[in-house]
Structure formats: C-alpha cells, structure tokens
Amino acid sequence: MRVSRASEVSGPIGAIIDVDRRRADDGPVVISLSGDVDRFSVPRLRAALDDAVGRSDVVLDLRGVDFCDSSTLRVFVDAQRASAASGHTLDLTHPSPAVRALFDVSGLRGVLRITA
C-alpha cells in the first residue's frame, strides 16, 4: 500500500527524485532517481534518505540516473552506514553503466550494496 508519493525537480539540470513510500509490511521504502544527481539535488536526496534510512529497509533505484558526482557518493556512503547501524539494508539497484563505472573507480563497489 502506498503511503505517500512526491516528486521534486531541483537544480539547474533538473534531477528528479521520486519518493515512493510503502508500509513496512508491504516491503522497503523505494526511492527512484532520474536525471543528473549532483550538488544541486543532493539536499533533496539527503532529506529523502534521512526520512527513510534507519526506520526501514530502503531500495534506491538508480535506473534513470545518467550522472552523479562525488557529493552524491558521499550521501550514498552516509546512508549505507546509517542503515547498517540501525540493522536495516540500503540497496542501490539498476545503476547505469556510467554510474556503475563511477562506483568501480571510486572503490565503493565493495562498500555499497549494489544489485542488478
């Protein structure tokens, strides 16, 4: 059952952060991103993750992300640590080839839970 859904366009590039929340018994909170996620959209991403991480398992769907910068990677790492500390999971799913390459180059592939 969907509890809330919100989309926001932020920054000059217009990254869209779509938050789809479900009750815990229906599964994890799903946060879908699309566009270029950079320093302009990071505050909205951080707020969405802060609202969900630590309270339930979270799936961060990256299938629509063509680019992310180092500020975005920092948010992913912080969320992963907070999630693990609370006994929950954070899965980053469906990264594009460019984002997957960034995870590899940065050495975060072994730190973040990346699936599909």
PDB file of N, CA and C in Angstrom:
ATOM      1  N   MET A   1       0.844  -1.185   0.000  1.00  0.00           N
ATOM      2  CA  MET A   1       0.000   0.000   0.000  1.00  0.00           C
ATOM      3  C   MET A   1       0.879   1.235   0.000  1.00  0.00           C
ATOM      4  N   ARG A   2       0.615   2.138  -0.870  1.00  0.00           N
ATOM      5  CA  ARG A   2       1.400   3.352  -0.976  1.00  0.00           C
ATOM      6  C   ARG A   2       0.933   4.346   0.079  1.00  0.00           C
ATOM      7  N   VAL A   3       1.857   4.878   0.870  1.00  0.00           N
ATOM      8  CA  VAL A   3       1.529   5.847   1.898  1.00  0.00           C
ATOM      9  C   VAL A   3       1.664   7.260   1.347  1.00  0.00           C
ATOM     10  N   SER A   4       2.753   7.542   0.657  1.00  0.00           N
ATOM     11  CA  SER A   4       2.921   8.879   0.086  1.00  0.00           C
ATOM     12  C   SER A   4       3.818   8.797  -1.131  1.00  0.00           C
ATOM     13  N   ARG A   5       3.691   9.798  -1.962  1.00  0.00           N
ATOM     14  CA  ARG A   5       4.497   9.863  -3.163  1.00  0.00           C
ATOM     15  C   ARG A   5       4.747  11.329  -3.450  1.00  0.00           C
ATOM     16  N   ALA A   6       6.013  11.654  -3.719  1.00  0.00           N
ATOM     17  CA  ALA A   6       6.349  13.044  -4.013  1.00  0.00           C
ATOM     18  C   ALA A   6       7.467  13.074  -5.034  1.00  0.00           C
ATOM     19  N   SER A   7       7.389  14.023  -5.916  1.00  0.00           N
ATOM     20  CA  SER A   7       8.461  14.238  -6.880  1.00  0.00           C
ATOM     21  C   SER A   7       8.905  15.675  -6.760  1.00  0.00           C
ATOM     22  N   GLU A   8      10.166  15.881  -6.964  1.00  0.00           N
ATOM     23  CA  GLU A   8      10.689  17.240  -6.919  1.00  0.00           C
ATOM     24  C   GLU A   8      11.768  17.381  -7.959  1.00  0.00           C
ATOM     25  N   VAL A   9      11.713  18.467  -8.665  1.00  0.00           N
ATOM     26  CA  VAL A   9      12.765  18.807  -9.606  1.00  0.00           C
ATOM     27  C   VAL A   9      13.642  19.822  -8.918  1.00  0.00           C
ATOM     28  N   SER A  10      14.942  19.596  -8.941  1.00  0.00           N
ATOM     29  CA  SER A  10      15.841  20.511  -8.253  1.00  0.00           C
ATOM     30  C   SER A  10      17.059  20.805  -9.106  1.00  0.00           C
ATOM     31  N   GLY A  11      17.624  21.962  -8.887  1.00  0.00           N
ATOM     32  CA  GLY A  11      18.855  22.339  -9.560  1.00  0.00           C
ATOM     33  C   GLY A  11      18.655  22.706 -11.008  1.00  0.00           C
ATOM     34  N   PRO A  12      19.663  23.307 -11.605  1.00  0.00           N
ATOM     35  CA  PRO A  12      19.549  23.765 -12.980  1.00  0.00           C
ATOM     36  C   PRO A  12      19.452  22.634 -13.993  1.00  0.00           C
ATOM     37  N   ILE A  13      19.940  21.462 -13.653  1.00  0.00           N
ATOM     38  CA  ILE A  13      19.896  20.334 -14.575  1.00  0.00           C
ATOM     39  C   ILE A  13      18.534  19.646 -14.496  1.00  0.00           C
ATOM     40  N   GLY A  14      17.899  19.740 -13.351  1.00  0.00           N
ATOM     41  CA  GLY A  14      16.560  19.192 -13.212  1.00  0.00           C
ATOM     42  C   GLY A  14      16.492  17.734 -12.842  1.00  0.00           C
ATOM     43  N   ALA A  15      17.321  17.288 -11.933  1.00  0.00           N
ATOM     44  CA  ALA A  15      17.219  15.908 -11.460  1.00  0.00           C
ATOM     45  C   ALA A  15      15.874  15.727 -10.774  1.00  0.00           C
ATOM     46  N   ILE A  16      15.292  14.570 -10.958  1.00  0.00           N
ATOM     47  CA  ILE A  16      14.002  14.278 -10.344  1.00  0.00           C
ATOM     48  C   ILE A  16      14.231  13.203  -9.293  1.00  0.00           C
ATOM     49  N   ILE A  17      13.747  13.472  -8.106  1.00  0.00           N
ATOM     50  CA  ILE A  17      13.812  12.490  -7.033  1.00  0.00           C
ATOM     51  C   ILE A  17      12.376  12.114  -6.710  1.00  0.00           C
ATOM     52  N   ASP A  18      12.027  10.877  -6.985  1.00  0.00           N
ATOM     53  CA  ASP A  18      10.680  10.381  -6.803  1.00  0.00           C
ATOM     54  C   ASP A  18      10.688   9.460  -5.600  1.00  0.00           C
ATOM     55  N   VAL A  19       9.938   9.811  -4.573  1.00  0.00           N
ATOM     56  CA  VAL A  19       9.908   9.032  -3.340  1.00  0.00           C
ATOM     57  C   VAL A  19       8.591   8.286  -3.270  1.00  0.00           C
ATOM     58  N   ASP A  20       8.672   6.982  -3.195  1.00  0.00           N
ATOM     59  CA  ASP A  20       7.501   6.123  -3.135  1.00  0.00           C
ATOM     60  C   ASP A  20       7.600   5.339  -1.837  1.00  0.00           C
ATOM     61  N   ARG A  21       6.793   5.687  -0.868  1.00  0.00           N
ATOM     62  CA  ARG A  21       6.872   5.041   0.447  1.00  0.00           C
ATOM     63  C   ARG A  21       5.756   3.997   0.597  1.00  0.00           C
ATOM     64  N   ARG A  22       6.132   2.876   1.141  1.00  0.00           N
ATOM     65  CA  ARG A  22       5.167   1.819   1.430  1.00  0.00           C
ATOM     66  C   ARG A  22       5.286   1.443   2.889  1.00  0.00           C
ATOM     67  N   ARG A  23       4.228   0.934   3.441  1.00  0.00           N
ATOM     68  CA  ARG A  23       4.300   0.454   4.825  1.00  0.00           C
ATOM     69  C   ARG A  23       5.288  -0.685   4.938  1.00  0.00           C
ATOM     70  N   ALA A  24       5.887  -0.841   6.096  1.00  0.00           N
ATOM     71  CA  ALA A  24       6.928  -1.856   6.324  1.00  0.00           C
ATOM     72  C   ALA A  24       6.452  -3.257   5.938  1.00  0.00           C
ATOM     73  N   ASP A  25       5.177  -3.578   6.189  1.00  0.00           N
ATOM     74  CA  ASP A  25       4.711  -4.925   5.866  1.00  0.00           C
ATOM     75  C   ASP A  25       4.539  -5.136   4.365  1.00  0.00           C
ATOM     76  N   ASP A  26       4.572  -4.067   3.589  1.00  0.00           N
ATOM     77  CA  ASP A  26       4.486  -4.189   2.140  1.00  0.00           C
ATOM     78  C   ASP A  26       5.859  -4.189   1.482  1.00  0.00           C
ATOM     79  N   GLY A  27       6.903  -4.027   2.260  1.00  0.00           N
ATOM     80  CA  GLY A  27       8.244  -4.029   1.695  1.00  0.00           C
ATOM     81  C   GLY A  27       9.011  -2.772   2.041  1.00  0.00           C
ATOM     82  N   PRO A  28      10.153  -2.616   1.408  1.00  0.00           N
ATOM     83  CA  PRO A  28      11.030  -1.486   1.735  1.00  0.00           C
ATOM     84  C   PRO A  28      10.510  -0.167   1.163  1.00  0.00           C
ATOM     85  N   VAL A  29      11.044   0.907   1.659  1.00  0.00           N
ATOM     86  CA  VAL A  29      10.804   2.210   1.060  1.00  0.00           C
ATOM     87  C   VAL A  29      11.594   2.234  -0.243  1.00  0.00           C
ATOM     88  N   VAL A  30      10.964   2.663  -1.313  1.00  0.00           N
ATOM     89  CA  VAL A  30      11.612   2.736  -2.610  1.00  0.00           C
ATOM     90  C   VAL A  30      11.789   4.201  -2.979  1.00  0.00           C
ATOM     91  N   ILE A  31      13.029   4.575  -3.290  1.00  0.00           N
ATOM     92  CA  ILE A  31      13.332   5.928  -3.738  1.00  0.00           C
ATOM     93  C   ILE A  31      13.921   5.809  -5.130  1.00  0.00           C
ATOM     94  N   SER A  32      13.241   6.387  -6.110  1.00  0.00           N
ATOM     95  CA  SER A  32      13.686   6.316  -7.500  1.00  0.00           C
ATOM     96  C   SER A  32      14.262   7.665  -7.915  1.00  0.00           C
ATOM     97  N   LEU A  33      15.420   7.609  -8.547  1.00  0.00           N
ATOM     98  CA  LEU A  33      16.077   8.822  -9.015  1.00  0.00           C
ATOM     99  C   LEU A  33      16.158   8.809 -10.532  1.00  0.00           C
ATOM    100  N   SER A  34      16.110   9.985 -11.124  1.00  0.00           N
ATOM    101  CA  SER A  34      16.360  10.078 -12.553  1.00  0.00           C
ATOM    102  C   SER A  34      16.989  11.419 -12.862  1.00  0.00           C
ATOM    103  N   GLY A  35      17.694  11.481 -13.975  1.00  0.00           N
ATOM    104  CA  GLY A  35      18.391  12.699 -14.357  1.00  0.00           C
ATOM    105  C   GLY A  35      19.813  12.689 -13.835  1.00  0.00           C
ATOM    106  N   ASP A  36      20.394  13.860 -13.750  1.00  0.00           N
ATOM    107  CA  ASP A  36      21.747  14.028 -13.219  1.00  0.00           C
ATOM    108  C   ASP A  36      21.635  14.409 -11.751  1.00  0.00           C
ATOM    109  N   VAL A  37      22.224  13.600 -10.884  1.00  0.00           N
ATOM    110  CA  VAL A  37      22.158  13.859  -9.450  1.00  0.00           C
ATOM    111  C   VAL A  37      23.497  14.465  -9.040  1.00  0.00           C
ATOM    112  N   ASP A  38      23.453  15.716  -8.621  1.00  0.00           N
ATOM    113  CA  ASP A  38      24.674  16.454  -8.313  1.00  0.00           C
ATOM    114  C   ASP A  38      24.471  17.316  -7.077  1.00  0.00           C
ATOM    115  N   ARG A  39      25.373  18.230  -6.851  1.00  0.00           N
ATOM    116  CA  ARG A  39      25.324  19.043  -5.631  1.00  0.00           C
ATOM    117  C   ARG A  39      24.038  19.846  -5.507  1.00  0.00           C
ATOM    118  N   PHE A  40      23.368  20.114  -6.598  1.00  0.00           N
ATOM    119  CA  PHE A  40      22.125  20.870  -6.545  1.00  0.00           C
ATOM    120  C   PHE A  40      20.957  20.019  -6.059  1.00  0.00           C
ATOM    121  N   SER A  41      20.965  18.752  -6.374  1.00  0.00           N
ATOM    122  CA  SER A  41      19.874  17.869  -5.970  1.00  0.00           C
ATOM    123  C   SER A  41      20.193  17.062  -4.711  1.00  0.00           C
ATOM    124  N   VAL A  42      21.430  17.098  -4.255  1.00  0.00           N
ATOM    125  CA  VAL A  42      21.829  16.331  -3.074  1.00  0.00           C
ATOM    126  C   VAL A  42      21.018  16.681  -1.819  1.00  0.00           C
ATOM    127  N   PRO A  43      20.679  17.949  -1.550  1.00  0.00           N
ATOM    128  CA  PRO A  43      19.886  18.215  -0.337  1.00  0.00           C
ATOM    129  C   PRO A  43      18.544  17.468  -0.328  1.00  0.00           C
ATOM    130  N   ARG A  44      17.864  17.414  -1.452  1.00  0.00           N
ATOM    131  CA  ARG A  44      16.592  16.692  -1.526  1.00  0.00           C
ATOM    132  C   ARG A  44      16.814  15.191  -1.368  1.00  0.00           C
ATOM    133  N   LEU A  45      17.865  14.670  -1.979  1.00  0.00           N
ATOM    134  CA  LEU A  45      18.193  13.255  -1.842  1.00  0.00           C
ATOM    135  C   LEU A  45      18.504  12.926  -0.387  1.00  0.00           C
ATOM    136  N   ARG A  46      19.324  13.747   0.239  1.00  0.00           N
ATOM    137  CA  ARG A  46      19.679  13.514   1.643  1.00  0.00           C
ATOM    138  C   ARG A  46      18.431  13.537   2.530  1.00  0.00           C
ATOM    139  N   ALA A  47      17.530  14.482   2.287  1.00  0.00           N
ATOM    140  CA  ALA A  47      16.302  14.572   3.086  1.00  0.00           C
ATOM    141  C   ALA A  47      15.438  13.324   2.901  1.00  0.00           C
ATOM    142  N   ALA A  48      15.318  12.854   1.660  1.00  0.00           N
ATOM    143  CA  ALA A  48      14.526  11.652   1.397  1.00  0.00           C
ATOM    144  C   ALA A  48      15.128  10.440   2.093  1.00  0.00           C
ATOM    145  N   LEU A  49      16.438  10.308   2.025  1.00  0.00           N
ATOM    146  CA  LEU A  49      17.101   9.181   2.677  1.00  0.00           C
ATOM    147  C   LEU A  49      17.049   9.300   4.194  1.00  0.00           C
ATOM    148  N   ASP A  50      17.269  10.494   4.720  1.00  0.00           N
ATOM    149  CA  ASP A  50      17.221  10.689   6.168  1.00  0.00           C
ATOM    150  C   ASP A  50      15.848  10.334   6.737  1.00  0.00           C
ATOM    151  N   ASP A  51      14.818  10.570   5.941  1.00  0.00           N
ATOM    152  CA  ASP A  51      13.458  10.280   6.368  1.00  0.00           C
ATOM    153  C   ASP A  51      13.175   8.778   6.397  1.00  0.00           C
ATOM    154  N   ALA A  52      13.909   8.000   5.613  1.00  0.00           N
ATOM    155  CA  ALA A  52      13.623   6.567   5.498  1.00  0.00           C
ATOM    156  C   ALA A  52      14.680   5.671   6.141  1.00  0.00           C
ATOM    157  N   VAL A  53      15.948   6.016   5.991  1.00  0.00           N
ATOM    158  CA  VAL A  53      17.045   5.182   6.490  1.00  0.00           C
ATOM    159  C   VAL A  53      16.998   5.119   8.014  1.00  0.00           C
ATOM    160  N   GLY A  54      17.129   3.909   8.517  1.00  0.00           N
ATOM    161  CA  GLY A  54      17.096   3.713   9.960  1.00  0.00           C
ATOM    162  C   GLY A  54      15.724   3.333  10.471  1.00  0.00           C
ATOM    163  N   ARG A  55      14.704   3.532   9.646  1.00  0.00           N
ATOM    164  CA  ARG A  55      13.333   3.190  10.019  1.00  0.00           C
ATOM    165  C   ARG A  55      12.841   1.934   9.296  1.00  0.00           C
ATOM    166  N   SER A  56      13.430   1.693   8.127  1.00  0.00           N
ATOM    167  CA  SER A  56      13.044   0.516   7.342  1.00  0.00           C
ATOM    168  C   SER A  56      14.150   0.215   6.343  1.00  0.00           C
ATOM    169  N   ASP A  57      13.999  -0.891   5.655  1.00  0.00           N
ATOM    170  CA  ASP A  57      14.903  -1.183   4.552  1.00  0.00           C
ATOM    171  C   ASP A  57      14.589  -0.198   3.423  1.00  0.00           C
ATOM    172  N   VAL A  58      15.607   0.149   2.656  1.00  0.00           N
ATOM    173  CA  VAL A  58      15.442   1.131   1.590  1.00  0.00           C
ATOM    174  C   VAL A  58      16.034   0.581   0.304  1.00  0.00           C
ATOM    175  N   VAL A  59      15.321   0.783  -0.794  1.00  0.00           N
ATOM    176  CA  VAL A  59      15.820   0.471  -2.126  1.00  0.00           C
ATOM    177  C   VAL A  59      15.940   1.794  -2.867  1.00  0.00           C
ATOM    178  N   LEU A  60      17.133   2.077  -3.324  1.00  0.00           N
ATOM    179  CA  LEU A  60      17.406   3.288  -4.089  1.00  0.00           C
ATOM    180  C   LEU A  60      17.551   2.877  -5.544  1.00  0.00           C
ATOM    181  N   ASP A  61      16.540   3.193  -6.353  1.00  0.00           N
ATOM    182  CA  ASP A  61      16.505   2.779  -7.752  1.00  0.00           C
ATOM    183  C   ASP A  61      17.205   3.838  -8.604  1.00  0.00           C
ATOM    184  N   LEU A  62      18.322   3.452  -9.212  1.00  0.00           N
ATOM    185  CA  LEU A  62      19.160   4.381  -9.975  1.00  0.00           C
ATOM    186  C   LEU A  62      19.003   4.218 -11.485  1.00  0.00           C
ATOM    187  N   ARG A  63      18.019   3.482 -11.941  1.00  0.00           N
ATOM    188  CA  ARG A  63      17.918   3.181 -13.369  1.00  0.00           C
ATOM    189  C   ARG A  63      17.808   4.423 -14.245  1.00  0.00           C
ATOM    190  N   GLY A  64      17.319   5.532 -13.721  1.00  0.00           N
ATOM    191  CA  GLY A  64      17.173   6.744 -14.518  1.00  0.00           C
ATOM    192  C   GLY A  64      18.298   7.739 -14.357  1.00  0.00           C
ATOM    193  N   VAL A  65      19.351   7.366 -13.616  1.00  0.00           N
ATOM    194  CA  VAL A  65      20.453   8.303 -13.345  1.00  0.00           C
ATOM    195  C   VAL A  65      21.555   8.119 -14.381  1.00  0.00           C
ATOM    196  N   ASP A  66      21.859   9.207 -15.082  1.00  0.00           N
ATOM    197  CA  ASP A  66      22.926   9.183 -16.080  1.00  0.00           C
ATOM    198  C   ASP A  66      24.244   9.663 -15.510  1.00  0.00           C
ATOM    199  N   PHE A  67      24.180  10.459 -14.450  1.00  0.00           N
ATOM    200  CA  PHE A  67      25.379  11.067 -13.875  1.00  0.00           C
ATOM    201  C   PHE A  67      25.151  11.308 -12.404  1.00  0.00           C
ATOM    202  N   CYS A  68      26.192  11.078 -11.612  1.00  0.00           N
ATOM    203  CA  CYS A  68      26.200  11.539 -10.228  1.00  0.00           C
ATOM    204  C   CYS A  68      27.615  11.962  -9.890  1.00  0.00           C
ATOM    205  N   ASP A  69      27.723  12.893  -8.961  1.00  0.00           N
ATOM    206  CA  ASP A  69      29.040  13.424  -8.624  1.00  0.00           C
ATOM    207  C   ASP A  69      29.478  12.933  -7.250  1.00  0.00           C
ATOM    208  N   SER A  70      30.616  13.431  -6.801  1.00  0.00           N
ATOM    209  CA  SER A  70      31.184  12.962  -5.532  1.00  0.00           C
ATOM    210  C   SER A  70      30.296  13.315  -4.345  1.00  0.00           C
ATOM    211  N   SER A  71      29.536  14.409  -4.421  1.00  0.00           N
ATOM    212  CA  SER A  71      28.643  14.750  -3.310  1.00  0.00           C
ATOM    213  C   SER A  71      27.524  13.705  -3.192  1.00  0.00           C
ATOM    214  N   THR A  72      27.108  13.164  -4.301  1.00  0.00           N
ATOM    215  CA  THR A  72      26.100  12.112  -4.299  1.00  0.00           C
ATOM    216  C   THR A  72      26.660  10.827  -3.700  1.00  0.00           C
ATOM    217  N   LEU A  73      27.885  10.493  -4.065  1.00  0.00           N
ATOM    218  CA  LEU A  73      28.532   9.300  -3.496  1.00  0.00           C
ATOM    219  C   LEU A  73      28.634   9.413  -1.983  1.00  0.00           C
ATOM    220  N   ARG A  74      28.938  10.599  -1.489  1.00  0.00           N
ATOM    221  CA  ARG A  74      29.033  10.832  -0.040  1.00  0.00           C
ATOM    222  C   ARG A  74      27.699  10.536   0.635  1.00  0.00           C
ATOM    223  N   VAL A  75      26.606  10.975   0.010  1.00  0.00           N
ATOM    224  CA  VAL A  75      25.271  10.715   0.556  1.00  0.00           C
ATOM    225  C   VAL A  75      24.993   9.211   0.581  1.00  0.00           C
ATOM    226  N   PHE A  76      25.358   8.503  -0.481  1.00  0.00           N
ATOM    227  CA  PHE A  76      25.161   7.054  -0.524  1.00  0.00           C
ATOM    228  C   PHE A  76      25.927   6.356   0.602  1.00  0.00           C
ATOM    229  N   VAL A  77      27.175   6.738   0.805  1.00  0.00           N
ATOM    230  CA  VAL A  77      28.007   6.118   1.847  1.00  0.00           C
ATOM    231  C   VAL A  77      27.433   6.420   3.234  1.00  0.00           C
ATOM    232  N   ASP A  78      27.058   7.672   3.481  1.00  0.00           N
ATOM    233  CA  ASP A  78      26.470   8.037   4.781  1.00  0.00           C
ATOM    234  C   ASP A  78      25.187   7.253   5.044  1.00  0.00           C
ATOM    235  N   ALA A  79      24.351   7.125   4.019  1.00  0.00           N
ATOM    236  CA  ALA A  79      23.094   6.387   4.174  1.00  0.00           C
ATOM    237  C   ALA A  79      23.355   4.900   4.410  1.00  0.00           C
ATOM    238  N   GLN A  80      24.347   4.351   3.722  1.00  0.00           N
ATOM    239  CA  GLN A  80      24.693   2.937   3.918  1.00  0.00           C
ATOM    240  C   GLN A  80      25.134   2.690   5.359  1.00  0.00           C
ATOM    241  N   ARG A  81      25.965   3.561   5.868  1.00  0.00           N
ATOM    242  CA  ARG A  81      26.440   3.413   7.258  1.00  0.00           C
ATOM    243  C   ARG A  81      25.298   3.531   8.258  1.00  0.00           C
ATOM    244  N   ALA A  82      24.431   4.516   8.069  1.00  0.00           N
ATOM    245  CA  ALA A  82      23.303   4.703   8.982  1.00  0.00           C
ATOM    246  C   ALA A  82      22.346   3.527   8.916  1.00  0.00           C
ATOM    247  N   SER A  83      22.138   3.020   7.733  1.00  0.00           N
ATOM    248  CA  SER A  83      21.248   1.875   7.564  1.00  0.00           C
ATOM    249  C   SER A  83      21.810   0.647   8.272  1.00  0.00           C
ATOM    250  N   ALA A  84      23.076   0.376   8.058  1.00  0.00           N
ATOM    251  CA  ALA A  84      23.713  -0.784   8.705  1.00  0.00           C
ATOM    252  C   ALA A  84      23.697  -0.642  10.228  1.00  0.00           C
ATOM    253  N   ALA A  85      23.944   0.559  10.712  1.00  0.00           N
ATOM    254  CA  ALA A  85      23.965   0.787  12.165  1.00  0.00           C
ATOM    255  C   ALA A  85      22.594   0.553  12.797  1.00  0.00           C
ATOM    256  N   SER A  86      21.535   0.744  12.016  1.00  0.00           N
ATOM    257  CA  SER A  86      20.184   0.564  12.551  1.00  0.00           C
ATOM    258  C   SER A  86      19.646  -0.847  12.322  1.00  0.00           C
ATOM    259  N   GLY A  87      20.443  -1.700  11.668  1.00  0.00           N
ATOM    260  CA  GLY A  87      20.010  -3.062  11.412  1.00  0.00           C
ATOM    261  C   GLY A  87      19.142  -3.213  10.175  1.00  0.00           C
ATOM    262  N   HIS A  88      19.163  -2.223   9.320  1.00  0.00           N
ATOM    263  CA  HIS A  88      18.387  -2.275   8.081  1.00  0.00           C
ATOM    264  C   HIS A  88      19.328  -2.344   6.887  1.00  0.00           C
ATOM    265  N   THR A  89      18.735  -2.458   5.705  1.00  0.00           N
ATOM    266  CA  THR A  89      19.537  -2.512   4.496  1.00  0.00           C
ATOM    267  C   THR A  89      19.252  -1.315   3.602  1.00  0.00           C
ATOM    268  N   LEU A  90      20.245  -0.984   2.800  1.00  0.00           N
ATOM    269  CA  LEU A  90      20.118   0.009   1.742  1.00  0.00           C
ATOM    270  C   LEU A  90      20.674  -0.644   0.487  1.00  0.00           C
ATOM    271  N   ASP A  91      19.804  -0.863  -0.491  1.00  0.00           N
ATOM    272  CA  ASP A  91      20.221  -1.462  -1.754  1.00  0.00           C
ATOM    273  C   ASP A  91      20.152  -0.414  -2.849  1.00  0.00           C
ATOM    274  N   LEU A  92      21.225  -0.279  -3.608  1.00  0.00           N
ATOM    275  CA  LEU A  92      21.257   0.587  -4.778  1.00  0.00           C
ATOM    276  C   LEU A  92      21.058  -0.326  -5.977  1.00  0.00           C
ATOM    277  N   THR A  93      19.960  -0.130  -6.700  1.00  0.00           N
ATOM    278  CA  THR A  93      19.628  -1.040  -7.785  1.00  0.00           C
ATOM    279  C   THR A  93      19.680  -0.361  -9.144  1.00  0.00           C
ATOM    280  N   HIS A  94      19.969  -1.165 -10.138  1.00  0.00           N
ATOM    281  CA  HIS A  94      19.929  -0.781 -11.549  1.00  0.00           C
ATOM    282  C   HIS A  94      20.758   0.452 -11.911  1.00  0.00           C
ATOM    283  N   PRO A  95      22.011   0.536 -11.446  1.00  0.00           N
ATOM    284  CA  PRO A  95      22.817   1.686 -11.876  1.00  0.00           C
ATOM    285  C   PRO A  95      23.131   1.602 -13.368  1.00  0.00           C
ATOM    286  N   SER A  96      23.147   2.742 -14.013  1.00  0.00           N
ATOM    287  CA  SER A  96      23.521   2.785 -15.433  1.00  0.00           C
ATOM    288  C   SER A  96      24.992   2.390 -15.556  1.00  0.00           C
ATOM    289  N   PRO A  97      25.447   2.062 -16.751  1.00  0.00           N
ATOM    290  CA  PRO A  97      26.863   1.730 -16.927  1.00  0.00           C
ATOM    291  C   PRO A  97      27.794   2.855 -16.433  1.00  0.00           C
ATOM    292  N   ALA A  98      27.412   4.105 -16.672  1.00  0.00           N
ATOM    293  CA  ALA A  98      28.252   5.221 -16.232  1.00  0.00           C
ATOM    294  C   ALA A  98      28.325   5.307 -14.711  1.00  0.00           C
ATOM    295  N   VAL A  99      27.204   5.114 -14.043  1.00  0.00           N
ATOM    296  CA  VAL A  99      27.184   5.160 -12.579  1.00  0.00           C
ATOM    297  C   VAL A  99      27.896   3.940 -12.011  1.00  0.00           C
ATOM    298  N   ARG A 100      27.710   2.782 -12.614  1.00  0.00           N
ATOM    299  CA  ARG A 100      28.417   1.567 -12.172  1.00  0.00           C
ATOM    300  C   ARG A 100      29.933   1.760 -12.286  1.00  0.00           C
ATOM    301  N   ALA A 101      30.373   2.398 -13.378  1.00  0.00           N
ATOM    302  CA  ALA A 101      31.802   2.676 -13.564  1.00  0.00           C
ATOM    303  C   ALA A 101      32.310   3.619 -12.480  1.00  0.00           C
ATOM    304  N   LEU A 102      31.501   4.596 -12.098  1.00  0.00           N
ATOM    305  CA  LEU A 102      31.892   5.520 -11.026  1.00  0.00           C
ATOM    306  C   LEU A 102      32.054   4.770  -9.697  1.00  0.00           C
ATOM    307  N   PHE A 103      31.161   3.821  -9.418  1.00  0.00           N
ATOM    308  CA  PHE A 103      31.292   3.007  -8.212  1.00  0.00           C
ATOM    309  C   PHE A 103      32.596   2.212  -8.248  1.00  0.00           C
ATOM    310  N   ASP A 104      32.934   1.685  -9.403  1.00  0.00           N
ATOM    311  CA  ASP A 104      34.164   0.907  -9.544  1.00  0.00           C
ATOM    312  C   ASP A 104      35.401   1.781  -9.344  1.00  0.00           C
ATOM    313  N   VAL A 105      35.436   2.911 -10.035  1.00  0.00           N
ATOM    314  CA  VAL A 105      36.600   3.803  -9.974  1.00  0.00           C
ATOM    315  C   VAL A 105      36.800   4.368  -8.563  1.00  0.00           C
ATOM    316  N   SER A 106      35.698   4.660  -7.883  1.00  0.00           N
ATOM    317  CA  SER A 106      35.787   5.253  -6.537  1.00  0.00           C
ATOM    318  C   SER A 106      36.100   4.211  -5.465  1.00  0.00           C
ATOM    319  N   GLY A 107      35.994   2.928  -5.814  1.00  0.00           N
ATOM    320  CA  GLY A 107      36.236   1.879  -4.837  1.00  0.00           C
ATOM    321  C   GLY A 107      35.036   1.591  -3.942  1.00  0.00           C
ATOM    322  N   LEU A 108      33.879   2.124  -4.297  1.00  0.00           N
ATOM    323  CA  LEU A 108      32.697   1.956  -3.454  1.00  0.00           C
ATOM    324  C   LEU A 108      31.888   0.703  -3.770  1.00  0.00           C
ATOM    325  N   ARG A 109      32.258  -0.005  -4.792  1.00  0.00           N
ATOM    326  CA  ARG A 109      31.525  -1.212  -5.157  1.00  0.00           C
ATOM    327  C   ARG A 109      31.509  -2.212  -4.005  1.00  0.00           C
ATOM    328  N   GLY A 110      32.554  -2.280  -3.234  1.00  0.00           N
ATOM    329  CA  GLY A 110      32.606  -3.196  -2.110  1.00  0.00           C
ATOM    330  C   GLY A 110      32.003  -2.642  -0.833  1.00  0.00           C
ATOM    331  N   VAL A 111      31.724  -1.364  -0.807  1.00  0.00           N
ATOM    332  CA  VAL A 111      31.156  -0.706   0.373  1.00  0.00           C
ATOM    333  C   VAL A 111      29.645  -0.643   0.289  1.00  0.00           C
ATOM    334  N   LEU A 112      29.125  -0.292  -0.891  1.00  0.00           N
ATOM    335  CA  LEU A 112      27.690  -0.151  -1.102  1.00  0.00           C
ATOM    336  C   LEU A 112      27.091  -1.478  -1.562  1.00  0.00           C
ATOM    337  N   ARG A 113      25.833  -1.711  -1.206  1.00  0.00           N
ATOM    338  CA  ARG A 113      25.109  -2.907  -1.670  1.00  0.00           C
ATOM    339  C   ARG A 113      24.491  -2.565  -3.021  1.00  0.00           C
ATOM    340  N   ILE A 114      25.135  -3.006  -4.087  1.00  0.00           N
ATOM    341  CA  ILE A 114      24.675  -2.690  -5.431  1.00  0.00           C
ATOM    342  C   ILE A 114      24.129  -3.962  -6.054  1.00  0.00           C
ATOM    343  N   THR A 115      22.889  -3.888  -6.543  1.00  0.00           N
ATOM    344  CA  THR A 115      22.243  -5.051  -7.127  1.00  0.00           C
ATOM    345  C   THR A 115      21.765  -4.750  -8.532  1.00  0.00           C
ATOM    346  N   ALA A 116      21.573  -5.789  -9.275  1.00  0.00           N
ATOM    347  CA  ALA A 116      21.065  -5.769 -10.671  1.00  0.00           C
ATOM    348  C   ALA A 116      21.895  -4.895 -11.538  1.00  0.00           C
TER     349      ALA A 116
END
